[in-house]
Amino acid sequence: MARKGSIMSERLKYELARELGVDHIVATEGFGGVSSRNCGNLVKLAIQRAEQAIANQPNL
């Protein structure tokens, strides 16, 4: 079953791609042109960012 929306914003996706050095591929071919390995690295980096954001939140 396909998702209706994306969990990550487009801005975040491009920011992560730029950080990993695959932004030129995304710009010319879209995210479909990014290798499986680099897609995995994008997901890993997104998870790290989310974990850091959670860790930096004040305790309620």
N, C-alpha and C. Protein backbone atom coordinates (compact mmCIF):
# COMPACT_ATOMS: atom_id res chain seq x y z
N MET A 1 0.84 -1.18 0.00
CA MET A 1 0.00 0.00 0.00
C MET A 1 0.89 1.24 0.00
N ALA A 2 0.58 2.17 -0.84
CA ALA A 2 1.38 3.40 -0.97
C ALA A 2 0.97 4.42 0.07
N ARG A 3 1.94 5.23 0.46
CA ARG A 3 1.68 6.33 1.39
C ARG A 3 1.10 7.50 0.63
N LYS A 4 0.27 8.27 1.32
CA LYS A 4 -0.29 9.46 0.71
C LYS A 4 0.66 10.64 0.81
N GLY A 5 1.39 10.73 1.91
CA GLY A 5 2.29 11.86 2.12
C GLY A 5 3.64 11.40 2.59
N SER A 6 4.55 12.34 2.65
CA SER A 6 5.90 12.03 3.07
C SER A 6 6.09 12.43 4.53
N ILE A 7 6.89 11.67 5.23
CA ILE A 7 7.19 11.99 6.62
C ILE A 7 8.20 13.13 6.68
N MET A 8 9.16 13.13 5.79
CA MET A 8 10.19 14.18 5.76
C MET A 8 9.79 15.29 4.80
N SER A 9 10.12 16.51 5.17
CA SER A 9 9.84 17.63 4.27
C SER A 9 10.83 17.57 3.10
N GLU A 10 10.43 18.17 2.00
CA GLU A 10 11.30 18.23 0.83
C GLU A 10 12.59 18.98 1.17
N ARG A 11 12.45 20.03 1.97
CA ARG A 11 13.62 20.82 2.37
C ARG A 11 14.63 19.96 3.11
N LEU A 12 14.15 19.13 4.03
CA LEU A 12 15.04 18.25 4.78
C LEU A 12 15.69 17.23 3.86
N LYS A 13 14.95 16.68 2.93
CA LYS A 13 15.51 15.70 2.00
C LYS A 13 16.67 16.30 1.20
N TYR A 14 16.46 17.51 0.69
CA TYR A 14 17.51 18.16 -0.09
C TYR A 14 18.70 18.55 0.78
N GLU A 15 18.42 18.96 2.01
CA GLU A 15 19.50 19.30 2.94
C GLU A 15 20.36 18.07 3.24
N LEU A 16 19.74 16.93 3.47
CA LEU A 16 20.48 15.70 3.72
C LEU A 16 21.27 15.27 2.48
N ALA A 17 20.66 15.40 1.31
CA ALA A 17 21.34 15.05 0.07
C ALA A 17 22.57 15.93 -0.13
N ARG A 18 22.43 17.21 0.18
CA ARG A 18 23.56 18.13 0.05
C ARG A 18 24.68 17.74 1.03
N GLU A 19 24.28 17.39 2.24
CA GLU A 19 25.26 17.00 3.26
C GLU A 19 26.03 15.75 2.86
N LEU A 20 25.37 14.82 2.18
CA LEU A 20 26.02 13.58 1.76
C LEU A 20 26.71 13.71 0.40
N GLY A 21 26.53 14.86 -0.26
CA GLY A 21 27.21 15.08 -1.52
C GLY A 21 26.54 14.45 -2.72
N VAL A 22 25.25 14.17 -2.61
CA VAL A 22 24.52 13.60 -3.75
C VAL A 22 23.48 14.58 -4.29
N ASP A 23 23.58 15.83 -3.88
CA ASP A 23 22.61 16.83 -4.33
C ASP A 23 22.65 17.05 -5.84
N HIS A 24 23.82 16.88 -6.45
CA HIS A 24 23.91 17.04 -7.90
C HIS A 24 23.12 15.95 -8.62
N ILE A 25 23.08 14.76 -8.06
CA ILE A 25 22.30 13.66 -8.65
C ILE A 25 20.81 13.96 -8.51
N VAL A 26 20.43 14.42 -7.32
CA VAL A 26 19.03 14.75 -7.07
C VAL A 26 18.57 15.87 -8.00
N ALA A 27 19.43 16.84 -8.22
CA ALA A 27 19.08 17.98 -9.07
C ALA A 27 18.86 17.56 -10.52
N THR A 28 19.65 16.59 -11.00
CA THR A 28 19.55 16.20 -12.40
C THR A 28 18.60 15.03 -12.64
N GLU A 29 18.58 14.06 -11.72
CA GLU A 29 17.82 12.84 -11.94
C GLU A 29 16.68 12.62 -10.94
N GLY A 30 16.64 13.41 -9.90
CA GLY A 30 15.66 13.19 -8.83
C GLY A 30 16.18 12.14 -7.86
N PHE A 31 15.42 11.88 -6.84
CA PHE A 31 15.86 10.92 -5.83
C PHE A 31 15.92 9.50 -6.38
N GLY A 32 15.23 9.23 -7.47
CA GLY A 32 15.28 7.91 -8.10
C GLY A 32 16.63 7.59 -8.69
N GLY A 33 17.46 8.60 -8.94
CA GLY A 33 18.79 8.39 -9.49
C GLY A 33 19.85 8.13 -8.44
N VAL A 34 19.49 8.29 -7.18
CA VAL A 34 20.45 8.08 -6.09
C VAL A 34 20.60 6.58 -5.84
N SER A 35 21.83 6.13 -5.66
CA SER A 35 22.07 4.70 -5.47
C SER A 35 21.42 4.19 -4.18
N SER A 36 21.20 2.90 -4.12
CA SER A 36 20.60 2.28 -2.93
C SER A 36 21.46 2.54 -1.70
N ARG A 37 22.74 2.45 -1.86
CA ARG A 37 23.65 2.70 -0.73
C ARG A 37 23.48 4.11 -0.21
N ASN A 38 23.45 5.09 -1.11
CA ASN A 38 23.30 6.47 -0.68
C ASN A 38 21.91 6.75 -0.12
N CYS A 39 20.88 6.06 -0.63
CA CYS A 39 19.55 6.20 -0.05
C CYS A 39 19.56 5.69 1.39
N GLY A 40 20.25 4.59 1.61
CA GLY A 40 20.39 4.07 2.98
C GLY A 40 21.11 5.06 3.87
N ASN A 41 22.13 5.70 3.32
CA ASN A 41 22.86 6.71 4.09
C ASN A 41 21.98 7.91 4.40
N LEU A 42 21.11 8.28 3.47
CA LEU A 42 20.17 9.38 3.71
C LEU A 42 19.23 9.03 4.86
N VAL A 43 18.72 7.81 4.85
CA VAL A 43 17.81 7.37 5.92
C VAL A 43 18.55 7.35 7.26
N LYS A 44 19.76 6.83 7.26
CA LYS A 44 20.55 6.76 8.48
C LYS A 44 20.78 8.16 9.05
N LEU A 45 21.12 9.11 8.19
CA LEU A 45 21.35 10.48 8.63
C LEU A 45 20.05 11.10 9.15
N ALA A 46 18.94 10.82 8.50
CA ALA A 46 17.65 11.35 8.95
C ALA A 46 17.30 10.80 10.34
N ILE A 47 17.57 9.53 10.57
CA ILE A 47 17.31 8.93 11.88
C ILE A 47 18.20 9.57 12.94
N GLN A 48 19.46 9.79 12.62
CA GLN A 48 20.37 10.44 13.56
C GLN A 48 19.87 11.84 13.92
N ARG A 49 19.41 12.57 12.92
CA ARG A 49 18.87 13.92 13.16
C ARG A 49 17.66 13.86 14.08
N ALA A 50 16.77 12.91 13.83
CA ALA A 50 15.56 12.78 14.65
C ALA A 50 15.92 12.41 16.09
N GLU A 51 16.87 11.51 16.25
CA GLU A 51 17.29 11.12 17.60
C GLU A 51 17.91 12.30 18.34
N GLN A 52 18.70 13.12 17.64
CA GLN A 52 19.28 14.31 18.26
C GLN A 52 18.20 15.30 18.66
N ALA A 53 17.21 15.47 17.82
CA ALA A 53 16.12 16.41 18.12
C ALA A 53 15.35 15.96 19.36
N ILE A 54 15.12 14.66 19.46
CA ILE A 54 14.41 14.12 20.63
C ILE A 54 15.26 14.29 21.88
N ALA A 55 16.55 14.03 21.78
CA ALA A 55 17.45 14.15 22.92
C ALA A 55 17.57 15.58 23.41
N ASN A 56 17.41 16.54 22.50
CA ASN A 56 17.55 17.96 22.86
C ASN A 56 16.26 18.57 23.39
N GLN A 57 15.17 17.82 23.37
CA GLN A 57 13.91 18.36 23.89
C GLN A 57 13.95 18.36 25.41
N PRO A 58 13.39 19.39 26.01
CA PRO A 58 13.33 19.41 27.48
C PRO A 58 12.40 18.32 27.99
N ASN A 59 12.73 17.78 29.13
CA ASN A 59 11.88 16.73 29.73
C ASN A 59 10.57 17.33 30.20
N LEU A 60 9.50 16.63 29.93
CA LEU A 60 8.17 17.13 30.35
C LEU A 60 7.76 16.56 31.66
